[in-house]
Amino acid sequence: MRSVLTIFSVLLSFLLWTSCSKSPKKTDWSLKYNTKFTEPFGFSLFKHTLPLIYPKANVQEVGINSSIFENISKVEPSVYIILAEYTEFGSVELQELNNWLLYGNDVVIISNNFGKKLGDYFGYDSTVLLSNYYHDIVDVTMNDSAKTKVKNINIQVNNFSDTGIKSNYNFSPYKYEPFGNHFSINTKDKFYKSLSSQSKIISQENKERINAIAFQVGKGNLIVVNSPIALSNFYLLQNNNINYLSDILSYTNKDIDKVYFTVGKTRESYASNWGIIWKHKGTRTALLITLFALLTYTLIHLKRKQNIIPMIEPLSNDSKSFIVTIANLYYSKRNNKNMAQKMIQHFMENVRNNYKLNTNNLDKEFKQKLALRTGNSEADTNALITQLKAIQDDTVIVDDKYLFNLYSLIQKFIKK
């Protein structure tokens, strides 16, 4: 594996040299946590080395704030590698990280500052006690006077198989101190003995300044490294330091299917539940579509529109409505005799106005004149007058059927 990495580093160095010779330009010595930045203090070499370390796995780069701990899989064990200047996790993410490790997945965090919540997590589980480890934060940028005084840094990496074999790497600092931060062990702490049995020191400087530690949580491995600058293009191309990354990652499980990695300046935690909702692709897409639809609707309806012209209903026949109302009023009281008398009064009024007949005496002469003027037969006229007199004399029972027949008879007589 190391020979392959060495060959790769030589080829990359050659490509960098030829590209610089063809297009001479001023070297950009700025530090950028970006895998596309090929200048000395970028991390493009870090990205291209991972597929060589995990040749059988599917290596995928994700966003700096991505959280893939929820994708727990017993069938496809995975490794999640984070490289950032500052790394922080929220409470929910820490619980997901813990479950991720318990199921046999690995996590590698390479950072200058691990944040308070992540530091507290190391004392969260009884099998992981890092309360007696502390993170010494120093300025990792070298000033001009420090550049002349600093010497080569010797880093010793312990072999993962505990055979006693150790690898030594020499780093020549320039511009940025590659191992400005370190972990320290408080040997007087009461948890020291249990801690030493639960963790392994991977990498250290001068046997005192520890910069990489491995923990076993359930079936998974948690590796913390506090020297991300040491994995930049500049330092990995020094000597055989390309193998330093391979030795650090040798503590992870090699029989894996997927490798997720991310590189960025700041890995922030989700400060609210909205952030947790937003990180899911499905809900995020739904929210974006909803916002886009609302924006489109608002923009379309900003244009002034003509007011709707109200529909004007035609004038109603108030006389007819009045009659219908009165009729319904009488009908609701169910006083058939009263309604029959009103019908007779209305009929007599019609006879007096239209046919000029006196209705005070309904004798034989009246019937003959009424039949002659209306065009009805004397038999029909006599039957109608007889029925009207029976109601006036109160000699019949006026039920619904009788009232309906009376109404039909009058209407037929009038329309003749």
Protein backbone atom coordinates (compact mmCIF):
# COMPACT_ATOMS: atom_id res chain seq x y z
CA MET A 1 0.00 0.00 0.00
CA ARG A 2 2.78 2.44 0.93
CA SER A 3 4.63 1.81 -2.33
CA VAL A 4 1.48 2.66 -4.28
CA LEU A 5 1.05 5.86 -2.32
CA THR A 6 4.69 6.78 -2.80
CA ILE A 7 4.40 6.29 -6.57
CA PHE A 8 1.24 8.36 -6.59
CA SER A 9 2.94 11.19 -4.70
CA VAL A 10 5.86 11.18 -7.12
CA LEU A 11 3.51 11.33 -10.10
CA LEU A 12 1.53 14.13 -8.53
CA SER A 13 4.72 16.05 -7.81
CA PHE A 14 5.77 15.63 -11.41
CA LEU A 15 2.40 16.87 -12.67
CA LEU A 16 2.56 19.87 -10.38
CA TRP A 17 6.09 20.66 -11.54
CA THR A 18 5.21 20.38 -15.23
CA SER A 19 2.10 22.51 -14.82
CA CYS A 20 4.12 25.19 -13.05
CA SER A 21 6.82 25.10 -15.71
CA LYS A 22 4.30 25.59 -18.53
CA SER A 23 2.43 28.47 -16.93
CA PRO A 24 4.71 30.22 -14.44
CA LYS A 25 2.73 32.17 -11.91
CA LYS A 26 3.05 33.35 -8.39
CA THR A 27 2.43 30.63 -5.81
CA ASP A 28 -0.63 31.11 -3.63
CA TRP A 29 0.47 30.31 -0.06
CA SER A 30 -2.93 30.91 1.53
CA LEU A 31 -4.62 28.16 3.51
CA LYS A 32 -7.85 26.99 1.93
CA TYR A 33 -9.89 24.05 3.18
CA ASN A 34 -10.88 23.00 -0.31
CA THR A 35 -10.28 19.77 -2.22
CA LYS A 36 -10.11 21.62 -5.55
CA PHE A 37 -7.30 23.93 -4.41
CA THR A 38 -4.04 22.51 -5.83
CA GLU A 39 -1.74 25.14 -4.31
CA PRO A 40 0.57 24.11 -1.42
CA PHE A 41 -1.93 24.61 1.37
CA GLY A 42 -4.96 23.10 -0.30
CA PHE A 43 -6.32 19.57 0.14
CA SER A 44 -6.62 18.17 -3.37
CA LEU A 45 -4.00 15.50 -2.64
CA PHE A 46 -5.96 14.42 0.43
CA LYS A 47 -8.99 13.83 -1.78
CA HIS A 48 -7.11 11.82 -4.45
CA THR A 49 -5.32 9.66 -1.85
CA LEU A 50 -8.45 8.28 -0.17
CA PRO A 51 -9.43 5.96 -3.08
CA LEU A 52 -5.93 4.42 -2.88
CA ILE A 53 -6.29 3.77 0.84
CA TYR A 54 -9.76 2.25 0.37
CA PRO A 55 -9.53 0.59 -3.06
CA LYS A 56 -12.62 -1.60 -2.58
CA ALA A 57 -14.92 1.12 -1.27
CA ASN A 58 -17.06 3.73 -2.96
CA VAL A 59 -15.48 7.05 -1.95
CA GLN A 60 -17.91 9.99 -1.97
CA GLU A 61 -17.37 13.66 -1.05
CA VAL A 62 -20.24 15.33 0.82
CA GLY A 63 -20.95 18.85 2.06
CA ILE A 64 -19.17 20.15 5.13
CA ASN A 65 -22.43 20.35 7.13
CA SER A 66 -23.81 17.02 5.92
CA SER A 67 -24.88 14.53 8.54
CA ILE A 68 -24.92 10.94 7.36
CA PHE A 69 -24.97 9.33 10.81
CA GLU A 70 -28.69 8.61 10.47
CA ASN A 71 -27.97 6.26 7.54
CA ILE A 72 -27.09 3.39 9.83
CA SER A 73 -26.43 0.19 7.91
CA LYS A 74 -25.36 -3.18 9.23
CA VAL A 75 -24.93 -4.52 5.69
CA GLU A 76 -22.75 -1.69 4.35
CA PRO A 77 -20.22 -0.55 7.01
CA SER A 78 -18.94 2.93 6.26
CA VAL A 79 -16.31 5.47 7.26
CA TYR A 80 -17.05 9.18 7.67
CA ILE A 81 -13.99 11.47 7.52
CA ILE A 82 -14.26 15.14 8.50
CA LEU A 83 -11.38 17.60 7.93
CA ALA A 84 -12.05 21.14 9.13
CA GLU A 85 -10.46 23.94 11.11
CA TYR A 86 -13.41 24.00 13.51
CA THR A 87 -15.80 21.08 14.11
CA GLU A 88 -18.98 21.16 16.17
CA PHE A 89 -22.02 18.90 16.52
CA GLY A 90 -25.49 19.45 17.95
CA SER A 91 -27.11 17.28 20.61
CA VAL A 92 -29.21 15.30 18.13
CA GLU A 93 -26.21 14.77 15.84
CA LEU A 94 -24.11 13.47 18.73
CA GLN A 95 -26.76 10.86 19.46
CA GLU A 96 -26.75 9.87 15.79
CA LEU A 97 -22.94 9.74 15.83
CA ASN A 98 -23.01 7.45 18.85
CA ASN A 99 -25.49 5.08 17.17
CA TRP A 100 -23.41 5.17 13.99
CA LEU A 101 -20.36 3.97 15.94
CA LEU A 102 -22.26 1.32 17.91
CA TYR A 103 -23.41 -0.30 14.66
CA GLY A 104 -19.81 -0.80 13.52
CA ASN A 105 -19.21 2.29 11.42
CA ASP A 106 -16.11 4.48 11.83
CA VAL A 107 -15.68 8.24 12.22
CA VAL A 108 -12.46 10.21 11.69
CA ILE A 109 -12.43 13.86 12.82
CA ILE A 110 -9.41 15.93 11.82
CA SER A 111 -9.68 19.44 13.26
CA ASN A 112 -7.93 22.24 15.17
CA ASN A 113 -10.89 22.81 17.45
CA PHE A 114 -13.52 20.21 18.30
CA GLY A 115 -16.05 22.48 20.02
CA LYS A 116 -17.53 22.15 23.48
CA LYS A 117 -20.38 19.72 22.78
CA LEU A 118 -18.15 17.34 20.87
CA GLY A 119 -15.57 17.53 23.67
CA ASP A 120 -18.26 16.71 26.23
CA TYR A 121 -19.32 13.72 24.16
CA PHE A 122 -16.07 11.94 24.90
CA GLY A 123 -17.28 11.59 28.47
CA TYR A 124 -20.84 10.73 27.40
CA ASP A 125 -20.53 6.96 27.34
CA SER A 126 -18.95 4.80 30.03
CA THR A 127 -16.79 3.12 27.41
CA VAL A 128 -15.44 6.46 26.15
CA LEU A 129 -13.84 8.63 28.84
CA LEU A 130 -11.95 11.60 27.47
CA SER A 131 -12.62 13.95 30.37
CA ASN A 132 -8.94 13.84 31.31
CA TYR A 133 -7.86 14.80 27.81
CA TYR A 134 -7.75 18.50 27.06
CA HIS A 135 -7.25 20.39 23.86
CA ASP A 136 -4.45 22.97 23.93
CA ILE A 137 -5.35 25.68 21.39
CA VAL A 138 -2.47 27.70 19.94
CA ASP A 139 -1.97 29.94 16.92
CA VAL A 140 -1.14 27.69 13.99
CA THR A 141 0.07 30.54 11.76
CA MET A 142 3.82 31.10 11.99
CA ASN A 143 5.21 34.60 12.13
CA ASP A 144 8.48 35.56 10.42
CA SER A 145 10.64 35.09 13.52
CA ALA A 146 9.21 31.65 14.18
CA LYS A 147 10.08 30.51 10.67
CA THR A 148 13.80 30.88 11.33
CA LYS A 149 13.78 29.25 14.78
CA VAL A 150 11.58 26.23 14.15
CA LYS A 151 13.22 22.92 13.41
CA ASN A 152 12.02 19.80 11.70
CA ILE A 153 9.22 18.10 13.59
CA ASN A 154 9.49 14.37 14.16
CA ILE A 155 6.19 12.53 14.39
CA GLN A 156 6.02 8.95 15.57
CA VAL A 157 3.05 6.79 14.55
CA ASN A 158 2.24 3.60 16.43
CA ASN A 159 1.36 0.56 14.36
CA PHE A 160 -2.31 -0.40 14.58
CA SER A 161 -1.51 -4.08 15.19
CA ASP A 162 0.36 -3.35 18.46
CA THR A 163 3.46 -5.19 17.26
CA GLY A 164 5.70 -2.46 18.58
CA ILE A 165 6.57 -1.26 15.07
CA LYS A 166 6.59 2.53 14.83
CA SER A 167 6.82 4.81 11.80
CA ASN A 168 8.68 8.11 11.93
CA TYR A 169 7.86 11.14 9.78
CA ASN A 170 9.71 14.43 9.47
CA PHE A 171 7.82 17.64 8.74
CA SER A 172 9.63 20.86 7.79
CA PRO A 173 7.30 23.72 8.86
CA TYR A 174 6.75 26.69 6.57
CA LYS A 175 4.09 29.40 6.72
CA TYR A 176 1.82 27.26 8.94
CA GLU A 177 2.68 25.16 11.99
CA PRO A 178 1.44 21.63 11.13
CA PHE A 179 1.28 20.44 14.76
CA GLY A 180 0.46 23.59 16.69
CA ASN A 181 -2.27 21.84 18.71
CA HIS A 182 -1.98 18.73 20.81
CA PHE A 183 -3.77 16.50 23.32
CA SER A 184 -2.28 16.05 26.79
CA ILE A 185 -2.88 13.25 29.27
CA ASN A 186 -3.39 14.04 32.93
CA THR A 187 -1.77 11.01 34.53
CA LYS A 188 -2.99 12.07 37.98
CA ASP A 189 -6.63 11.86 36.98
CA LYS A 190 -8.58 9.01 38.61
CA PHE A 191 -9.90 7.92 35.20
CA TYR A 192 -6.43 7.58 33.68
CA LYS A 193 -6.15 3.79 34.03
CA SER A 194 -9.57 3.06 32.58
CA LEU A 195 -8.96 5.61 29.84
CA SER A 196 -5.69 4.06 28.75
CA SER A 197 -7.44 0.71 28.34
CA GLN A 198 -10.21 2.20 26.20
CA SER A 199 -8.09 4.28 23.82
CA LYS A 200 -4.96 4.06 21.73
CA ILE A 201 -2.47 6.78 20.98
CA ILE A 202 -1.88 6.80 17.25
CA SER A 203 0.46 9.69 16.66
CA GLN A 204 2.65 11.85 18.90
CA GLU A 205 5.55 14.28 18.86
CA ASN A 206 8.48 13.70 21.20
CA LYS A 207 6.38 11.17 23.16
CA GLU A 208 4.57 14.05 24.87
CA ARG A 209 2.54 16.05 22.36
CA ILE A 210 -0.21 13.69 21.26
CA ASN A 211 -1.99 14.63 18.04
CA ALA A 212 -4.07 11.53 17.17
CA ILE A 213 -6.08 9.14 19.35
CA ALA A 214 -8.32 6.17 18.48
CA PHE A 215 -11.32 5.03 20.54
CA GLN A 216 -13.46 1.95 20.19
CA VAL A 217 -17.19 2.62 20.67
CA GLY A 218 -19.27 -0.52 20.34
CA LYS A 219 -18.21 -2.10 17.06
CA GLY A 220 -16.96 1.14 15.56
CA ASN A 221 -13.86 3.29 15.82
CA LEU A 222 -13.69 7.00 16.59
CA ILE A 223 -10.42 8.67 15.59
CA VAL A 224 -9.61 12.27 16.52
CA VAL A 225 -6.68 14.11 14.94
CA ASN A 226 -5.78 17.71 15.78
CA SER A 227 -3.41 18.51 12.89
CA PRO A 228 -5.40 19.10 9.64
CA ILE A 229 -2.66 21.34 8.16
CA ALA A 230 -0.26 18.39 8.26
CA LEU A 231 -2.48 16.74 5.64
CA SER A 232 -2.32 19.64 3.17
CA ASN A 233 -0.62 19.27 -0.23
CA PHE A 234 2.59 20.92 0.99
CA TYR A 235 3.24 18.62 3.94
CA LEU A 236 2.03 15.39 2.35
CA LEU A 237 4.54 15.85 -0.50
CA GLN A 238 7.48 16.15 1.91
CA ASN A 239 9.62 13.04 2.11
CA ASN A 240 7.34 10.01 2.51
CA ASN A 241 4.70 11.88 4.50
CA ILE A 242 2.04 10.71 2.09
CA ASN A 243 2.07 7.49 4.13
CA TYR A 244 1.30 9.44 7.31
CA LEU A 245 -2.33 9.74 6.21
CA SER A 246 -2.43 6.02 5.42
CA ASP A 247 -1.10 5.15 8.89
CA ILE A 248 -3.68 7.36 10.59
CA LEU A 249 -6.54 5.76 8.64
CA SER A 250 -5.17 2.24 9.21
CA TYR A 251 -7.08 2.25 12.50
CA THR A 252 -10.36 2.25 10.61
CA ASN A 253 -12.03 -0.88 9.28
CA LYS A 254 -10.75 -1.67 5.78
CA ASP A 255 -13.57 -4.10 4.98
CA ILE A 256 -16.06 -1.35 4.15
CA ASP A 257 -18.31 -0.47 1.24
CA LYS A 258 -18.56 3.32 1.47
CA VAL A 259 -16.30 6.19 2.48
CA TYR A 260 -17.83 9.62 3.05
CA PHE A 261 -15.45 12.54 3.42
CA THR A 262 -15.78 16.30 3.70
CA VAL A 263 -13.32 19.19 3.80
CA GLY A 264 -14.20 22.72 4.90
CA LYS A 265 -13.17 25.56 7.16
CA THR A 266 -16.04 25.28 9.65
CA ARG A 267 -18.30 22.35 10.38
CA GLU A 268 -21.24 23.91 12.26
CA SER A 269 -23.96 22.24 14.27
CA TYR A 270 -27.67 22.65 13.65
CA ALA A 271 -28.84 25.30 16.10
CA SER A 272 -32.56 24.53 15.81
CA ASN A 273 -35.04 21.89 14.72
CA TRP A 274 -35.44 23.79 11.44
CA GLY A 275 -31.85 22.94 10.66
CA ILE A 276 -32.55 19.27 11.26
CA ILE A 277 -35.55 19.42 8.94
CA TRP A 278 -33.61 21.32 6.30
CA LYS A 279 -30.81 18.74 6.11
CA HIS A 280 -33.18 16.06 4.70
CA LYS A 281 -33.31 16.19 0.93
CA GLY A 282 -37.02 15.30 0.69
CA THR A 283 -38.28 17.95 3.12
CA ARG A 284 -35.81 20.49 1.81
CA THR A 285 -37.08 19.98 -1.74
CA ALA A 286 -40.71 20.22 -0.61
CA LEU A 287 -40.05 23.48 1.27
CA LEU A 288 -38.20 24.98 -1.69
CA ILE A 289 -41.03 24.07 -4.08
CA THR A 290 -43.59 25.58 -1.68
CA LEU A 291 -41.60 28.80 -1.33
CA PHE A 292 -41.15 29.01 -5.11
CA ALA A 293 -44.90 28.50 -5.66
CA LEU A 294 -45.78 31.22 -3.14
CA LEU A 295 -43.28 33.61 -4.72
CA THR A 296 -44.66 32.91 -8.20
CA TYR A 297 -48.24 33.41 -7.03
CA THR A 298 -47.31 36.72 -5.37
CA LEU A 299 -45.48 38.04 -8.43
CA ILE A 300 -48.34 37.12 -10.76
CA HIS A 301 -50.96 38.81 -8.59
CA LEU A 302 -48.96 42.01 -8.18
CA LYS A 303 -50.38 43.13 -11.53
CA ARG A 304 -53.46 45.35 -11.16
CA LYS A 305 -56.69 43.66 -12.18
CA GLN A 306 -60.12 45.09 -13.12
CA ASN A 307 -62.71 44.73 -10.43
CA ILE A 308 -65.29 42.03 -11.05
CA ILE A 309 -68.54 43.46 -12.51
CA PRO A 310 -71.37 42.32 -10.26
CA MET A 311 -74.33 40.51 -11.79
CA ILE A 312 -77.61 42.48 -11.61
CA GLU A 313 -80.62 40.29 -11.06
CA PRO A 314 -83.77 41.16 -13.08
CA LEU A 315 -86.60 42.89 -11.24
CA SER A 316 -88.90 40.45 -9.58
CA ASN A 317 -92.72 40.47 -9.70
CA ASP A 318 -93.49 41.77 -6.23
CA SER A 319 -97.23 41.20 -6.59
CA LYS A 320 -96.70 37.57 -7.38
CA SER A 321 -94.23 37.18 -4.55
CA PHE A 322 -96.72 38.78 -2.18
CA ILE A 323 -99.45 36.41 -3.26
CA VAL A 324 -97.16 33.37 -2.89
CA THR A 325 -96.17 34.53 0.59
CA ILE A 326 -99.76 35.03 1.70
CA ALA A 327 -100.79 31.68 0.22
CA ASN A 328 -97.98 29.90 2.05
CA LEU A 329 -99.01 31.64 5.25
CA TYR A 330 -102.60 30.40 4.96
CA TYR A 331 -101.50 26.94 3.92
CA SER A 332 -99.15 26.62 6.87
CA LYS A 333 -102.08 27.24 9.28
CA ARG A 334 -104.11 24.44 7.61
CA ASN A 335 -107.42 26.45 7.77
CA ASN A 336 -109.03 25.02 4.63
CA LYS A 337 -112.44 26.63 5.13
CA ASN A 338 -110.93 30.10 5.48
CA MET A 339 -108.85 29.54 2.34
CA ALA A 340 -111.96 28.34 0.45
CA GLN A 341 -113.87 31.48 1.45
CA LYS A 342 -110.95 33.66 0.28
CA MET A 343 -110.99 31.84 -3.04
CA ILE A 344 -114.78 32.46 -3.36
CA GLN A 345 -114.36 36.16 -2.54
CA HIS A 346 -111.63 36.47 -5.16
CA PHE A 347 -113.86 34.66 -7.72
CA MET A 348 -116.84 36.91 -7.02
CA GLU A 349 -114.65 40.02 -7.30
CA ASN A 350 -113.48 38.78 -10.70
CA VAL A 351 -117.12 38.25 -11.83
CA ARG A 352 -118.16 41.74 -10.74
CA ASN A 353 -115.18 43.48 -12.40
CA ASN A 354 -114.94 41.49 -15.65
CA TYR A 355 -118.57 40.50 -16.34
CA LYS A 356 -120.46 43.35 -14.61
CA LEU A 357 -122.82 41.05 -12.69
CA ASN A 358 -124.35 41.52 -9.26
CA THR A 359 -123.25 38.66 -6.98
CA ASN A 360 -125.58 39.37 -4.06
CA ASN A 361 -128.28 36.94 -5.27
CA LEU A 362 -126.99 33.67 -6.80
CA ASP A 363 -130.35 32.69 -8.37
CA LYS A 364 -131.27 31.03 -11.67
CA GLU A 365 -131.11 34.29 -13.62
CA PHE A 366 -127.59 34.97 -12.30
CA LYS A 367 -126.45 31.51 -13.38
CA GLN A 368 -127.84 31.95 -16.92
CA LYS A 369 -126.14 35.37 -17.34
CA LEU A 370 -122.83 34.05 -15.95
CA ALA A 371 -122.89 31.05 -18.29
CA LEU A 372 -123.68 33.25 -21.27
CA ARG A 373 -120.95 35.82 -20.56
CA THR A 374 -118.17 33.36 -19.63
CA GLY A 375 -118.93 30.88 -22.44
CA ASN A 376 -119.42 27.96 -20.02
CA SER A 377 -122.36 25.61 -20.16
CA GLU A 378 -125.28 26.09 -17.80
CA ALA A 379 -124.53 22.67 -16.24
CA ASP A 380 -120.91 23.61 -15.41
CA THR A 381 -122.01 27.02 -14.14
CA ASN A 382 -124.76 25.49 -11.98
CA ALA A 383 -122.29 22.91 -10.51
CA LEU A 384 -119.77 25.62 -9.59
CA ILE A 385 -122.33 27.94 -7.99
CA THR A 386 -123.88 25.02 -6.06
CA GLN A 387 -120.42 24.09 -4.64
CA LEU A 388 -119.73 27.72 -3.69
CA LYS A 389 -123.08 28.06 -1.88
CA ALA A 390 -122.44 24.80 0.01
CA ILE A 391 -119.21 26.27 1.42
CA GLN A 392 -120.92 29.55 2.31
CA ASP A 393 -123.79 27.70 4.01
CA ASP A 394 -121.23 25.46 5.84
CA THR A 395 -122.89 22.23 4.72
CA VAL A 396 -119.71 20.42 3.61
CA ILE A 397 -116.38 19.51 5.20
CA VAL A 398 -113.56 21.30 3.40
CA ASP A 399 -110.57 18.95 3.49
CA ASP A 400 -107.39 19.11 1.33
CA LYS A 401 -108.93 17.12 -1.49
CA TYR A 402 -112.10 19.22 -1.56
CA LEU A 403 -110.05 22.45 -1.49
CA PHE A 404 -107.92 21.28 -4.38
CA ASN A 405 -110.99 20.31 -6.45
CA LEU A 406 -112.56 23.72 -5.76
CA TYR A 407 -109.39 25.50 -6.90
CA SER A 408 -109.20 23.38 -10.07
CA LEU A 409 -112.86 23.98 -10.85
CA ILE A 410 -112.58 27.78 -10.49
CA GLN A 411 -109.42 27.94 -12.63
CA LYS A 412 -111.07 25.84 -15.33
CA PHE A 413 -114.16 28.04 -15.28
CA ILE A 414 -112.20 31.29 -15.55
CA LYS A 415 -109.93 30.11 -18.35
CA LYS A 416 -112.85 28.91 -20.54
